[in-house]
Amino acid sequence: MSSEMNMTLKPIGKVRSSVATPILNANDADIELAGKMEAIREFHKGLQDAVSELVIFPEWEELLDGIEDFSHVMVLYWPHLIDPERRNLKKIHPMGRKDMPLKGIFATRSPARPNPVLVTVVPLVERSGNVLKVKGMDAVDGSLLLDIKPHLRAFHGEDNPVMAPWMEQLFRELDEP
């Protein structure tokens, strides 16, 4: 691999959250999860109001100046509990559901990917020095933060994005009472 193909990422902080382990372990990606749908649904509902802390390392604190003026932030983080072997997966059944067709990793939100950089948009509750409190984040405690950006609807939001029918089905099932 040539030197221009190498990359170096430096973590800017860590996530502090009540999530000790992912609800879907990366090793569950290819097993039947029908019995886990209720647990997954409860996990997601429980996260809606959960507050996590994004603890920025002191040397990066001044980069946060002004972030408190935004209602939402986009957080890029590294799922540190992903087995490195899982990064070679090409296709999976979404959420491990054998009743769903195999899909390429890039067509899913699976954390098991060649470069497991995860992204989420969350409401910013408050900033206190080098700590941002956010709501509804599903990152596991100890996940490394890679970047934080203000969420701007003009740049990041489409009014009517189209989702694959299988993804719409998964969302409907997660929202069921």
N, C-alpha and C. Protein backbone atom coordinates (compact mmCIF):
# COMPACT_ATOMS: atom_id res chain seq x y z
N MET A 1 0.85 -1.18 0.00
CA MET A 1 0.00 0.00 0.00
C MET A 1 0.90 1.24 0.00
N SER A 2 0.63 2.17 -0.88
CA SER A 2 1.46 3.37 -0.96
C SER A 2 1.18 4.30 0.21
N SER A 3 2.13 5.19 0.48
CA SER A 3 2.01 6.07 1.65
C SER A 3 0.82 7.01 1.52
N GLU A 4 0.42 7.39 0.30
CA GLU A 4 -0.75 8.27 0.16
C GLU A 4 -2.06 7.54 0.43
N MET A 5 -2.00 6.23 0.57
CA MET A 5 -3.20 5.46 0.88
C MET A 5 -3.37 5.25 2.39
N ASN A 6 -2.38 5.63 3.19
CA ASN A 6 -2.47 5.48 4.63
C ASN A 6 -3.21 6.65 5.24
N MET A 7 -3.90 6.38 6.32
CA MET A 7 -4.62 7.43 7.04
C MET A 7 -4.28 7.30 8.52
N THR A 8 -4.33 8.43 9.19
CA THR A 8 -4.16 8.43 10.64
C THR A 8 -5.34 9.16 11.24
N LEU A 9 -6.04 8.50 12.14
CA LEU A 9 -7.13 9.13 12.87
C LEU A 9 -6.70 9.30 14.31
N LYS A 10 -6.99 10.46 14.88
CA LYS A 10 -6.70 10.70 16.28
C LYS A 10 -8.02 10.87 17.01
N PRO A 11 -8.26 10.08 18.03
CA PRO A 11 -9.49 10.28 18.79
C PRO A 11 -9.46 11.64 19.47
N ILE A 12 -10.62 12.28 19.53
CA ILE A 12 -10.72 13.60 20.17
C ILE A 12 -11.36 13.50 21.56
N GLY A 13 -11.82 12.31 21.91
CA GLY A 13 -12.45 12.13 23.21
C GLY A 13 -13.09 10.75 23.29
N LYS A 14 -13.91 10.58 24.34
CA LYS A 14 -14.60 9.30 24.57
C LYS A 14 -16.05 9.56 24.95
N VAL A 15 -16.86 8.55 24.69
CA VAL A 15 -18.27 8.58 25.05
C VAL A 15 -18.42 8.00 26.46
N ARG A 16 -19.19 8.70 27.29
CA ARG A 16 -19.63 8.15 28.58
C ARG A 16 -21.12 7.92 28.46
N SER A 17 -21.53 6.67 28.56
CA SER A 17 -22.95 6.38 28.43
C SER A 17 -23.34 5.20 29.30
N SER A 18 -24.63 5.00 29.42
CA SER A 18 -25.14 3.86 30.20
C SER A 18 -25.17 2.59 29.37
N VAL A 19 -24.80 2.67 28.11
CA VAL A 19 -24.81 1.50 27.23
C VAL A 19 -23.49 0.74 27.42
N ALA A 20 -23.58 -0.41 28.10
CA ALA A 20 -22.37 -1.19 28.40
C ALA A 20 -21.95 -2.07 27.23
N THR A 21 -22.93 -2.61 26.52
CA THR A 21 -22.65 -3.46 25.36
C THR A 21 -23.70 -3.15 24.30
N PRO A 22 -23.37 -3.33 23.04
CA PRO A 22 -24.36 -3.09 22.00
C PRO A 22 -25.50 -4.10 22.12
N ILE A 23 -26.71 -3.65 21.82
CA ILE A 23 -27.86 -4.56 21.87
C ILE A 23 -27.68 -5.67 20.83
N LEU A 24 -27.11 -5.31 19.71
CA LEU A 24 -26.77 -6.31 18.69
C LEU A 24 -25.26 -6.45 18.68
N ASN A 25 -24.76 -7.51 19.25
CA ASN A 25 -23.34 -7.76 19.22
C ASN A 25 -22.96 -7.99 17.76
N ALA A 26 -21.81 -7.50 17.36
CA ALA A 26 -21.38 -7.67 15.97
C ALA A 26 -21.37 -9.14 15.57
N ASN A 27 -21.17 -10.02 16.53
CA ASN A 27 -21.16 -11.46 16.21
C ASN A 27 -22.56 -12.01 15.99
N ASP A 28 -23.59 -11.23 16.29
CA ASP A 28 -24.97 -11.65 16.07
C ASP A 28 -25.44 -11.32 14.65
N ALA A 29 -24.59 -10.71 13.85
CA ALA A 29 -25.03 -10.19 12.56
C ALA A 29 -25.57 -11.25 11.62
N ASP A 30 -25.24 -12.50 11.83
CA ASP A 30 -25.70 -13.52 10.89
C ASP A 30 -26.52 -14.62 11.57
N ILE A 31 -27.14 -14.31 12.70
CA ILE A 31 -28.00 -15.30 13.34
C ILE A 31 -29.43 -14.80 13.35
N GLU A 32 -30.35 -15.70 13.62
CA GLU A 32 -31.77 -15.36 13.67
C GLU A 32 -32.05 -14.53 14.92
N LEU A 33 -32.66 -13.37 14.73
CA LEU A 33 -32.91 -12.47 15.86
C LEU A 33 -34.39 -12.27 16.15
N ALA A 34 -35.23 -13.11 15.60
CA ALA A 34 -36.67 -12.93 15.81
C ALA A 34 -37.01 -12.82 17.28
N GLY A 35 -36.37 -13.60 18.13
CA GLY A 35 -36.65 -13.55 19.56
C GLY A 35 -36.10 -12.32 20.25
N LYS A 36 -35.23 -11.59 19.59
CA LYS A 36 -34.62 -10.41 20.19
C LYS A 36 -35.32 -9.11 19.78
N MET A 37 -36.29 -9.17 18.89
CA MET A 37 -36.91 -7.93 18.41
C MET A 37 -37.53 -7.11 19.54
N GLU A 38 -38.14 -7.77 20.51
CA GLU A 38 -38.74 -7.04 21.62
C GLU A 38 -37.65 -6.34 22.45
N ALA A 39 -36.55 -7.03 22.69
CA ALA A 39 -35.44 -6.43 23.44
C ALA A 39 -34.84 -5.27 22.66
N ILE A 40 -34.71 -5.42 21.36
CA ILE A 40 -34.17 -4.34 20.52
C ILE A 40 -35.11 -3.14 20.56
N ARG A 41 -36.41 -3.38 20.46
CA ARG A 41 -37.42 -2.32 20.52
C ARG A 41 -37.32 -1.58 21.85
N GLU A 42 -37.23 -2.30 22.95
CA GLU A 42 -37.14 -1.67 24.28
C GLU A 42 -35.84 -0.89 24.43
N PHE A 43 -34.75 -1.44 23.91
CA PHE A 43 -33.45 -0.76 23.95
C PHE A 43 -33.55 0.59 23.27
N HIS A 44 -34.11 0.63 22.07
CA HIS A 44 -34.21 1.88 21.32
C HIS A 44 -35.14 2.88 22.00
N LYS A 45 -36.25 2.41 22.54
CA LYS A 45 -37.17 3.30 23.25
C LYS A 45 -36.50 3.87 24.50
N GLY A 46 -35.73 3.05 25.19
CA GLY A 46 -35.04 3.51 26.40
C GLY A 46 -33.98 4.54 26.13
N LEU A 47 -33.43 4.55 24.93
CA LEU A 47 -32.39 5.51 24.58
C LEU A 47 -32.92 6.90 24.26
N GLN A 48 -34.18 7.01 23.91
CA GLN A 48 -34.72 8.29 23.45
C GLN A 48 -34.44 9.43 24.42
N ASP A 49 -34.56 9.18 25.71
CA ASP A 49 -34.35 10.22 26.71
C ASP A 49 -33.04 10.08 27.47
N ALA A 50 -32.27 9.04 27.17
CA ALA A 50 -31.01 8.82 27.88
C ALA A 50 -29.99 9.90 27.51
N VAL A 51 -29.29 10.39 28.51
CA VAL A 51 -28.27 11.42 28.30
C VAL A 51 -26.90 10.77 28.37
N SER A 52 -26.09 11.04 27.36
CA SER A 52 -24.70 10.58 27.31
C SER A 52 -23.80 11.79 27.35
N GLU A 53 -22.55 11.56 27.69
CA GLU A 53 -21.57 12.64 27.70
C GLU A 53 -20.50 12.36 26.66
N LEU A 54 -20.19 13.39 25.90
CA LEU A 54 -19.08 13.35 24.96
C LEU A 54 -17.95 14.10 25.64
N VAL A 55 -16.98 13.36 26.14
CA VAL A 55 -15.88 13.96 26.90
C VAL A 55 -14.72 14.20 25.94
N ILE A 56 -14.49 15.47 25.65
CA ILE A 56 -13.44 15.85 24.71
C ILE A 56 -12.12 15.95 25.48
N PHE A 57 -11.07 15.41 24.90
CA PHE A 57 -9.77 15.50 25.55
C PHE A 57 -9.38 16.97 25.70
N PRO A 58 -8.74 17.33 26.82
CA PRO A 58 -8.45 18.75 27.11
C PRO A 58 -7.76 19.51 25.98
N GLU A 59 -6.87 18.86 25.25
CA GLU A 59 -6.16 19.57 24.18
C GLU A 59 -7.06 20.00 23.03
N TRP A 60 -8.28 19.46 22.96
CA TRP A 60 -9.21 19.80 21.90
C TRP A 60 -10.38 20.65 22.39
N GLU A 61 -10.42 21.00 23.68
CA GLU A 61 -11.58 21.70 24.25
C GLU A 61 -11.93 22.99 23.52
N GLU A 62 -10.95 23.79 23.15
CA GLU A 62 -11.27 25.07 22.52
C GLU A 62 -11.94 24.91 21.16
N LEU A 63 -11.83 23.73 20.56
CA LEU A 63 -12.52 23.48 19.30
C LEU A 63 -14.04 23.45 19.47
N LEU A 64 -14.50 23.34 20.72
CA LEU A 64 -15.94 23.31 21.01
C LEU A 64 -16.55 24.72 21.08
N ASP A 65 -15.73 25.75 21.16
CA ASP A 65 -16.26 27.11 21.34
C ASP A 65 -17.31 27.44 20.28
N GLY A 66 -18.52 27.74 20.72
CA GLY A 66 -19.62 28.09 19.83
C GLY A 66 -20.58 26.94 19.56
N ILE A 67 -20.20 25.71 19.90
CA ILE A 67 -21.06 24.55 19.60
C ILE A 67 -22.37 24.64 20.37
N GLU A 68 -22.36 25.29 21.53
CA GLU A 68 -23.57 25.38 22.35
C GLU A 68 -24.66 26.22 21.70
N ASP A 69 -24.36 26.92 20.62
CA ASP A 69 -25.35 27.72 19.90
C ASP A 69 -26.22 26.87 18.96
N PHE A 70 -25.93 25.56 18.87
CA PHE A 70 -26.66 24.67 17.98
C PHE A 70 -27.53 23.72 18.79
N SER A 71 -28.66 23.34 18.23
CA SER A 71 -29.57 22.43 18.94
C SER A 71 -29.17 20.96 18.77
N HIS A 72 -28.49 20.62 17.67
CA HIS A 72 -28.14 19.24 17.38
C HIS A 72 -26.69 19.17 16.89
N VAL A 73 -26.04 18.06 17.21
CA VAL A 73 -24.69 17.83 16.71
C VAL A 73 -24.63 16.48 16.01
N MET A 74 -23.73 16.41 15.04
CA MET A 74 -23.43 15.18 14.34
C MET A 74 -22.17 14.62 14.98
N VAL A 75 -22.24 13.38 15.42
CA VAL A 75 -21.13 12.77 16.12
C VAL A 75 -20.62 11.59 15.30
N LEU A 76 -19.33 11.58 15.03
CA LEU A 76 -18.68 10.47 14.36
C LEU A 76 -17.84 9.75 15.40
N TYR A 77 -18.03 8.44 15.49
CA TYR A 77 -17.32 7.69 16.53
C TYR A 77 -16.94 6.31 16.03
N TRP A 78 -16.03 5.67 16.78
CA TRP A 78 -15.48 4.37 16.44
C TRP A 78 -16.04 3.33 17.40
N PRO A 79 -16.77 2.33 16.89
CA PRO A 79 -17.32 1.28 17.75
C PRO A 79 -16.21 0.31 18.18
N HIS A 80 -15.61 0.59 19.30
CA HIS A 80 -14.41 -0.12 19.74
C HIS A 80 -14.61 -1.60 20.09
N LEU A 81 -15.83 -2.05 20.21
CA LEU A 81 -16.05 -3.46 20.55
C LEU A 81 -16.27 -4.35 19.32
N ILE A 82 -16.16 -3.80 18.13
CA ILE A 82 -16.31 -4.61 16.92
C ILE A 82 -15.10 -5.51 16.75
N ASP A 83 -15.37 -6.79 16.57
CA ASP A 83 -14.31 -7.76 16.31
C ASP A 83 -13.66 -7.40 14.97
N PRO A 84 -12.35 -7.22 14.93
CA PRO A 84 -11.68 -6.86 13.66
C PRO A 84 -12.01 -7.81 12.51
N GLU A 85 -12.28 -9.09 12.81
CA GLU A 85 -12.64 -10.04 11.77
C GLU A 85 -13.95 -9.66 11.08
N ARG A 86 -14.85 -9.01 11.82
CA ARG A 86 -16.15 -8.62 11.27
C ARG A 86 -16.00 -7.52 10.21
N ARG A 87 -14.86 -6.86 10.18
CA ARG A 87 -14.64 -5.78 9.21
C ARG A 87 -14.48 -6.31 7.79
N ASN A 88 -14.40 -7.62 7.64
CA ASN A 88 -14.26 -8.22 6.32
C ASN A 88 -15.59 -8.68 5.73
N LEU A 89 -16.68 -8.52 6.46
CA LEU A 89 -17.98 -8.94 5.95
C LEU A 89 -18.34 -8.15 4.70
N LYS A 90 -18.94 -8.82 3.76
CA LYS A 90 -19.39 -8.17 2.52
C LYS A 90 -20.90 -7.97 2.53
N LYS A 91 -21.63 -8.99 3.02
CA LYS A 91 -23.09 -8.93 3.03
C LYS A 91 -23.61 -9.50 4.35
N ILE A 92 -24.77 -8.99 4.75
CA ILE A 92 -25.43 -9.50 5.95
C ILE A 92 -26.94 -9.48 5.74
N HIS A 93 -27.64 -10.23 6.56
CA HIS A 93 -29.08 -10.09 6.65
C HIS A 93 -29.30 -8.90 7.60
N PRO A 94 -30.03 -7.85 7.19
CA PRO A 94 -30.24 -6.70 8.07
C PRO A 94 -30.71 -7.11 9.46
N MET A 95 -30.04 -6.61 10.48
CA MET A 95 -30.31 -6.93 11.89
C MET A 95 -30.30 -8.43 12.14
N GLY A 96 -29.57 -9.18 11.30
CA GLY A 96 -29.47 -10.62 11.49
C GLY A 96 -30.72 -11.39 11.14
N ARG A 97 -31.67 -10.72 10.52
CA ARG A 97 -32.98 -11.31 10.22
C ARG A 97 -32.88 -12.16 8.95
N LYS A 98 -32.98 -13.47 9.12
CA LYS A 98 -32.91 -14.39 7.97
C LYS A 98 -34.10 -14.22 7.04
N ASP A 99 -35.19 -13.59 7.52
CA ASP A 99 -36.35 -13.36 6.65
C ASP A 99 -36.12 -12.16 5.73
N MET A 100 -35.01 -11.46 5.91
CA MET A 100 -34.66 -10.33 5.05
C MET A 100 -33.54 -10.79 4.12
N PRO A 101 -33.55 -10.30 2.88
CA PRO A 101 -32.50 -10.72 1.93
C PRO A 101 -31.13 -10.18 2.32
N LEU A 102 -30.10 -10.89 1.91
CA LEU A 102 -28.74 -10.42 2.12
C LEU A 102 -28.56 -9.07 1.42
N LYS A 103 -27.89 -8.16 2.11
CA LYS A 103 -27.61 -6.82 1.56
C LYS A 103 -26.13 -6.51 1.76
N GLY A 104 -25.58 -5.73 0.86
CA GLY A 104 -24.20 -5.28 1.01
C GLY A 104 -24.07 -4.40 2.26
N ILE A 105 -22.95 -4.52 2.93
CA ILE A 105 -22.72 -3.76 4.17
C ILE A 105 -23.01 -2.28 3.98
N PHE A 106 -22.63 -1.70 2.84
CA PHE A 106 -22.84 -0.26 2.63
C PHE A 106 -24.31 0.10 2.48
N ALA A 107 -25.19 -0.88 2.30
CA ALA A 107 -26.62 -0.62 2.21
C ALA A 107 -27.29 -0.76 3.58
N THR A 108 -26.49 -1.02 4.62
CA THR A 108 -27.03 -1.22 5.97
C THR A 108 -26.40 -0.22 6.94
N ARG A 109 -26.92 -0.23 8.16
CA ARG A 109 -26.34 0.59 9.23
C ARG A 109 -25.50 -0.26 10.17
N SER A 110 -25.11 -1.44 9.73
CA SER A 110 -24.31 -2.35 10.55
C SER A 110 -22.99 -1.69 10.96
N PRO A 111 -22.58 -1.88 12.21
CA PRO A 111 -21.27 -1.36 12.62
C PRO A 111 -20.12 -2.22 12.09
N ALA A 112 -20.42 -3.42 11.61
CA ALA A 112 -19.39 -4.31 11.06
C ALA A 112 -19.14 -3.91 9.61
N ARG A 113 -18.14 -3.05 9.40
CA ARG A 113 -17.83 -2.53 8.07
C ARG A 113 -16.32 -2.35 7.95
N PRO A 114 -15.81 -2.16 6.73
CA PRO A 114 -14.36 -2.04 6.56
C PRO A 114 -13.74 -0.96 7.44
N ASN A 115 -14.36 0.17 7.51
CA ASN A 115 -13.94 1.26 8.41
C ASN A 115 -15.14 1.57 9.30
N PRO A 116 -15.18 1.00 10.50
CA PRO A 116 -16.37 1.14 11.32
C PRO A 116 -16.51 2.53 11.95
N VAL A 117 -16.68 3.51 11.09
CA VAL A 117 -16.95 4.87 11.56
C VAL A 117 -18.46 5.02 11.59
N LEU A 118 -19.00 5.25 12.78
CA LEU A 118 -20.44 5.41 12.92
C LEU A 118 -20.77 6.88 13.08
N VAL A 119 -21.97 7.24 12.64
CA VAL A 119 -22.39 8.64 12.70
C VAL A 119 -23.82 8.69 13.22
N THR A 120 -24.09 9.68 14.03
CA THR A 120 -25.43 9.90 14.52
C THR A 120 -25.65 11.39 14.72
N VAL A 121 -26.89 11.80 14.64
CA VAL A 121 -27.26 13.19 14.94
C VAL A 121 -28.09 13.15 16.21
N VAL A 122 -27.68 13.94 17.20
CA VAL A 122 -28.35 13.93 18.50
C VAL A 122 -28.58 15.35 18.99
N PRO A 123 -29.62 15.54 19.81
CA PRO A 123 -29.84 16.86 20.42
C PRO A 123 -28.73 17.16 21.42
N LEU A 124 -28.26 18.38 21.39
CA LEU A 124 -27.25 18.86 22.34
C LEU A 124 -27.99 19.44 23.54
N VAL A 125 -27.81 18.84 24.71
CA VAL A 125 -28.49 19.27 25.92
C VAL A 125 -27.75 20.44 26.55
N GLU A 126 -26.43 20.29 26.70
CA GLU A 126 -25.62 21.37 27.27
C GLU A 126 -24.14 21.11 27.07
N ARG A 127 -23.38 22.19 27.21
CA ARG A 127 -21.92 22.09 27.20
C ARG A 127 -21.42 22.58 28.54
N SER A 128 -20.49 21.84 29.11
CA SER A 128 -19.83 22.24 30.35
C SER A 128 -18.35 21.99 30.16
N GLY A 129 -17.62 23.04 29.79
CA GLY A 129 -16.18 22.90 29.53
C GLY A 129 -15.93 21.97 28.37
N ASN A 130 -15.25 20.85 28.64
CA ASN A 130 -14.91 19.90 27.59
C ASN A 130 -15.91 18.75 27.47
N VAL A 131 -17.08 18.91 28.10
CA VAL A 131 -18.09 17.85 28.08
C VAL A 131 -19.37 18.35 27.42
N LEU A 132 -19.83 17.58 26.43
CA LEU A 132 -21.12 17.85 25.81
C LEU A 132 -22.09 16.78 26.28
N LYS A 133 -23.25 17.21 26.77
CA LYS A 133 -24.30 16.27 27.11
C LYS A 133 -25.26 16.22 25.94
N VAL A 134 -25.53 14.98 25.48
CA VAL A 134 -26.40 14.77 24.33
C VAL A 134 -27.47 13.75 24.71
N LYS A 135 -28.55 13.74 23.97
CA LYS A 135 -29.67 12.86 24.28
C LYS A 135 -29.90 11.86 23.14
N GLY A 136 -30.18 10.61 23.53
CA GLY A 136 -30.59 9.60 22.56
C GLY A 136 -29.49 8.91 21.79
N MET A 137 -28.26 8.98 22.26
CA MET A 137 -27.14 8.37 21.54
C MET A 137 -27.00 6.90 21.94
N ASP A 138 -26.78 6.02 20.96
CA ASP A 138 -26.68 4.59 21.26
C ASP A 138 -25.24 4.08 21.31
N ALA A 139 -24.26 4.97 21.38
CA ALA A 139 -22.86 4.55 21.43
C ALA A 139 -22.56 3.87 22.76
N VAL A 140 -21.75 2.82 22.68
CA VAL A 140 -21.33 2.08 23.87
C VAL A 140 -20.34 2.93 24.67
N ASP A 141 -20.44 2.84 25.98
CA ASP A 141 -19.53 3.54 26.87
C ASP A 141 -18.08 3.23 26.48
N GLY A 142 -17.27 4.27 26.35
CA GLY A 142 -15.87 4.09 25.99
C GLY A 142 -15.59 4.21 24.51
N SER A 143 -16.63 4.33 23.67
CA SER A 143 -16.40 4.50 22.23
C SER A 143 -15.56 5.76 22.01
N LEU A 144 -14.65 5.68 21.06
CA LEU A 144 -13.78 6.82 20.77
C LEU A 144 -14.48 7.80 19.83
N LEU A 145 -14.39 9.07 20.18
CA LEU A 145 -14.95 10.13 19.34
C LEU A 145 -13.94 10.51 18.27
N LEU A 146 -14.41 10.63 17.03
CA LEU A 146 -13.56 11.01 15.91
C LEU A 146 -13.79 12.44 15.48
N ASP A 147 -15.04 12.91 15.57
CA ASP A 147 -15.35 14.28 15.14
C ASP A 147 -16.73 14.66 15.65
N ILE A 148 -16.92 15.95 15.78
CA ILE A 148 -18.22 16.52 16.15
C ILE A 148 -18.44 17.70 15.23
N LYS A 149 -19.63 17.80 14.68
CA LYS A 149 -19.99 18.90 13.79
C LYS A 149 -21.37 19.39 14.17
N PRO A 150 -21.64 20.68 13.98
CA PRO A 150 -23.03 21.11 14.17
C PRO A 150 -23.88 20.50 13.06
N HIS A 151 -25.08 20.09 13.41
CA HIS A 151 -25.98 19.54 12.40
C HIS A 151 -26.72 20.69 11.73
N LEU A 152 -26.59 20.77 10.43
CA LEU A 152 -27.23 21.82 9.65
C LEU A 152 -28.17 21.20 8.64
N ARG A 153 -29.45 21.43 8.82
CA ARG A 153 -30.43 20.83 7.92
C ARG A 153 -30.13 21.16 6.46
N ALA A 154 -29.65 22.38 6.22
CA ALA A 154 -29.36 22.80 4.85
C ALA A 154 -28.28 21.91 4.20
N PHE A 155 -27.35 21.38 5.00
CA PHE A 155 -26.28 20.54 4.47
C PHE A 155 -26.59 19.06 4.58
N HIS A 156 -27.31 18.65 5.62
CA HIS A 156 -27.42 17.24 5.94
C HIS A 156 -28.82 16.65 5.83
N GLY A 157 -29.81 17.48 5.68
CA GLY A 157 -31.16 16.94 5.72
C GLY A 157 -31.89 17.02 4.40
N GLU A 158 -32.45 15.94 4.02
CA GLU A 158 -33.34 15.90 2.88
C GLU A 158 -34.76 15.84 3.43
N ASP A 159 -35.68 16.54 2.79
CA ASP A 159 -37.05 16.57 3.31
C ASP A 159 -37.77 15.23 3.18
N ASN A 160 -37.54 14.51 2.11
CA ASN A 160 -38.26 13.25 1.89
C ASN A 160 -37.32 12.17 1.37
N PRO A 161 -36.40 11.70 2.21
CA PRO A 161 -35.50 10.66 1.72
C PRO A 161 -36.26 9.35 1.49
N VAL A 162 -35.83 8.60 0.52
CA VAL A 162 -36.45 7.32 0.20
C VAL A 162 -35.63 6.22 0.86
N MET A 163 -36.32 5.32 1.56
CA MET A 163 -35.66 4.18 2.20
C MET A 163 -36.09 2.91 1.48
N ALA A 164 -35.21 1.94 1.53
CA ALA A 164 -35.55 0.63 0.97
C ALA A 164 -36.74 0.06 1.74
N PRO A 165 -37.63 -0.65 1.07
CA PRO A 165 -38.80 -1.22 1.76
C PRO A 165 -38.44 -2.08 2.97
N TRP A 166 -37.35 -2.87 2.89
CA TRP A 166 -36.96 -3.71 4.02
C TRP A 166 -36.55 -2.85 5.22
N MET A 167 -35.92 -1.68 4.97
CA MET A 167 -35.53 -0.79 6.06
C MET A 167 -36.78 -0.15 6.68
N GLU A 168 -37.74 0.23 5.84
CA GLU A 168 -39.00 0.78 6.36
C GLU A 168 -39.69 -0.24 7.25
N GLN A 169 -39.67 -1.52 6.84
CA GLN A 169 -40.27 -2.58 7.65
C GLN A 169 -39.59 -2.67 9.02
N LEU A 170 -38.25 -2.62 9.04
CA LEU A 170 -37.53 -2.69 10.31
C LEU A 170 -37.91 -1.52 11.22
N PHE A 171 -38.02 -0.32 10.66
CA PHE A 171 -38.40 0.85 11.47
C PHE A 171 -39.82 0.71 12.00
N ARG A 172 -40.74 0.21 11.16
CA ARG A 172 -42.12 -0.01 11.62
C ARG A 172 -42.15 -0.99 12.79
N GLU A 173 -41.39 -2.06 12.67
CA GLU A 173 -41.35 -3.07 13.72
C GLU A 173 -40.73 -2.52 15.01
N LEU A 174 -39.73 -1.65 14.89
CA LEU A 174 -39.13 -1.05 16.08
C LEU A 174 -40.07 -0.08 16.77
N ASP A 175 -40.97 0.54 15.99
CA ASP A 175 -41.91 1.51 16.55
C ASP A 175 -43.20 0.88 17.08
N GLU A 176 -43.38 -0.43 16.87
CA GLU A 176 -44.59 -1.09 17.35
C GLU A 176 -44.65 -1.05 18.86
N PRO A 177 -45.88 -0.92 19.40
CA PRO A 177 -45.99 -0.91 20.87
C PRO A 177 -45.70 -2.25 21.51
